[in-house]
């Protein structure tokens, strides 16, 4: 149970190409996800960003491990200076003119259990807000762009 992946699915009133662009174009990602210096949806591309509670930030180190253009992207997710590695996968599915997004974050139990910031519940809360609120609001606000 401790290492079960976190999975969330949401349906967005936007075509797949619009959602794909939102999750893979750094100029769009900064509006709902994290501001990345660089990002390219290609296997082997490395990127990093800082995030976490306001009083203690963590450097996230990521490498893209799989890409199916317009359908799926997976990247590793680890923290500089800490043991453990996990994998984040975004998958997109057509749903009658809309898009179903499934996000899976696997390997959460690999992070140090003595650091409450790495508790699986924190990832669940974070992704629920990021996908269910931030991405949804971004896509709805920019549905014609």
Protein backbone atom coordinates (compact mmCIF):
# COMPACT_ATOMS: atom_id res chain seq x y z
CA UNK A 1 0.00 0.00 0.00
CA UNK A 2 2.83 2.37 0.88
CA UNK A 3 4.20 2.21 -2.66
CA UNK A 4 0.90 2.17 -4.60
CA UNK A 5 0.89 4.76 -7.36
CA UNK A 6 -1.27 7.84 -7.08
CA UNK A 7 -3.68 8.07 -10.01
CA UNK A 8 -6.05 10.89 -10.90
CA UNK A 9 -8.27 11.21 -13.98
CA UNK A 10 -10.06 14.34 -15.15
CA UNK A 11 -12.00 15.21 -18.28
CA UNK A 12 -11.29 18.59 -19.84
CA UNK A 13 -13.49 20.42 -22.32
CA UNK A 14 -10.58 20.83 -24.72
CA UNK A 15 -9.18 18.84 -27.65
CA UNK A 16 -6.20 16.53 -27.09
CA UNK A 17 -3.78 18.79 -29.00
CA UNK A 18 -4.67 21.70 -26.71
CA UNK A 19 -4.14 19.62 -23.55
CA UNK A 20 -0.92 18.11 -24.96
CA UNK A 21 0.42 21.58 -25.62
CA UNK A 22 -0.49 22.67 -22.09
CA UNK A 23 1.43 19.77 -20.53
CA UNK A 24 4.50 19.90 -22.82
CA UNK A 25 5.13 23.55 -23.79
CA UNK A 26 7.18 25.34 -21.12
CA UNK A 27 5.56 28.70 -21.92
CA UNK A 28 2.17 27.17 -21.11
CA UNK A 29 3.33 24.99 -18.21
CA UNK A 30 4.46 28.02 -16.20
CA UNK A 31 0.83 29.19 -15.94
CA UNK A 32 -0.48 26.06 -14.20
CA UNK A 33 2.47 23.83 -13.21
CA UNK A 34 6.01 25.04 -12.50
CA UNK A 35 8.18 27.56 -14.31
CA UNK A 36 10.87 25.55 -16.06
CA UNK A 37 14.03 26.99 -17.59
CA UNK A 38 13.80 24.50 -20.45
CA UNK A 39 11.49 21.66 -21.42
CA UNK A 40 11.33 19.48 -24.51
CA UNK A 41 9.02 16.48 -24.81
CA UNK A 42 11.72 14.05 -25.94
CA UNK A 43 13.21 10.97 -24.33
CA UNK A 44 16.41 11.72 -22.45
CA UNK A 45 15.67 15.42 -21.95
CA UNK A 46 16.61 16.53 -18.42
CA UNK A 47 14.87 19.35 -16.59
CA UNK A 48 14.65 20.66 -13.06
CA UNK A 49 12.58 22.99 -10.94
CA UNK A 50 12.27 24.08 -7.34
CA UNK A 51 9.11 23.54 -5.34
CA UNK A 52 7.78 22.67 -1.91
CA UNK A 53 6.56 24.49 1.16
CA UNK A 54 7.44 28.19 1.29
CA UNK A 55 9.92 27.69 4.14
CA UNK A 56 11.80 24.77 2.55
CA UNK A 57 12.17 24.29 -1.18
CA UNK A 58 13.37 21.13 -2.93
CA UNK A 59 15.27 20.89 -6.20
CA UNK A 60 13.39 18.39 -8.39
CA UNK A 61 15.55 16.54 -10.93
CA UNK A 62 13.67 14.95 -13.83
CA UNK A 63 14.45 13.00 -17.01
CA UNK A 64 11.90 12.23 -19.70
CA UNK A 65 11.72 8.45 -20.16
CA UNK A 66 8.85 7.97 -22.65
CA UNK A 67 6.97 10.07 -25.19
CA UNK A 68 4.10 9.21 -27.51
CA UNK A 69 3.36 12.59 -29.13
CA UNK A 70 -0.11 13.83 -28.37
CA UNK A 71 -0.85 10.85 -26.10
CA UNK A 72 1.67 10.14 -23.33
CA UNK A 73 4.72 11.52 -21.56
CA UNK A 74 6.60 9.98 -18.62
CA UNK A 75 9.46 11.42 -16.62
CA UNK A 76 11.46 10.45 -13.58
CA UNK A 77 11.08 12.62 -10.48
CA UNK A 78 13.66 12.72 -7.73
CA UNK A 79 15.00 15.23 -5.24
CA UNK A 80 18.55 16.57 -5.15
CA UNK A 81 20.28 15.24 -2.04
CA UNK A 82 17.64 12.62 -1.18
CA UNK A 83 17.26 8.92 -1.89
CA UNK A 84 14.42 7.64 -4.02
CA UNK A 85 13.04 8.00 -7.52
CA UNK A 86 9.50 8.07 -8.80
CA UNK A 87 7.84 8.39 -12.22
CA UNK A 88 5.11 10.74 -13.41
CA UNK A 89 3.02 9.77 -16.44
CA UNK A 90 0.47 11.93 -18.22
CA UNK A 91 -1.81 10.01 -20.62
CA UNK A 92 -4.43 11.61 -22.86
CA UNK A 93 -7.56 9.93 -24.28
CA UNK A 94 -10.26 11.35 -26.60
CA UNK A 95 -13.70 11.58 -24.99
CA UNK A 96 -16.42 12.81 -27.39
CA UNK A 97 -14.63 16.02 -28.34
CA UNK A 98 -13.11 16.40 -24.90
CA UNK A 99 -9.92 14.98 -23.37
CA UNK A 100 -9.54 12.57 -20.48
CA UNK A 101 -6.21 13.01 -18.73
CA UNK A 102 -4.85 10.28 -16.48
CA UNK A 103 -1.91 11.21 -14.29
CA UNK A 104 -0.03 8.42 -12.53
CA UNK A 105 2.74 9.11 -10.01
CA UNK A 106 4.44 5.79 -9.23
CA UNK A 107 7.21 5.02 -6.74
CA UNK A 108 6.17 7.44 -4.00
CA UNK A 109 7.19 4.96 -1.31
CA UNK A 110 10.81 5.18 -2.50
CA UNK A 111 11.32 8.58 -0.87
CA UNK A 112 12.61 8.88 2.73
CA UNK A 113 9.74 8.05 5.08
CA UNK A 114 11.23 10.20 7.83
CA UNK A 115 10.52 13.37 5.84
CA UNK A 116 6.82 14.28 6.13
CA UNK A 117 7.07 16.44 2.98
CA UNK A 118 7.48 13.19 0.99
CA UNK A 119 4.37 11.51 2.43
CA UNK A 120 2.14 10.01 -0.29
CA UNK A 121 -0.80 12.07 0.96
CA UNK A 122 1.07 15.28 0.14
CA UNK A 123 1.56 14.14 -3.45
CA UNK A 124 -2.14 13.23 -3.70
CA UNK A 125 -3.17 16.66 -2.42
CA UNK A 126 -0.69 18.43 -4.68
CA UNK A 127 -1.66 16.59 -7.87
CA UNK A 128 -5.37 16.90 -7.07
CA UNK A 129 -4.96 20.67 -6.88
CA UNK A 130 -2.60 20.94 -9.88
CA UNK A 131 -4.70 18.77 -12.23
CA UNK A 132 -8.17 19.38 -10.81
CA UNK A 133 -7.84 23.13 -10.30
CA UNK A 134 -4.79 24.77 -11.86
CA UNK A 135 -4.77 22.90 -15.19
CA UNK A 136 -8.56 22.99 -15.48
CA UNK A 137 -8.67 26.76 -14.86
CA UNK A 138 -5.82 27.32 -17.32
CA UNK A 139 -7.49 25.31 -20.09
CA UNK A 140 -10.89 26.95 -19.50
CA UNK A 141 -9.38 30.45 -19.46
CA UNK A 142 -7.39 29.79 -22.62
CA UNK A 143 -9.81 27.56 -24.52
CA UNK A 144 -9.74 29.74 -27.63
CA UNK A 145 -6.00 30.42 -27.73
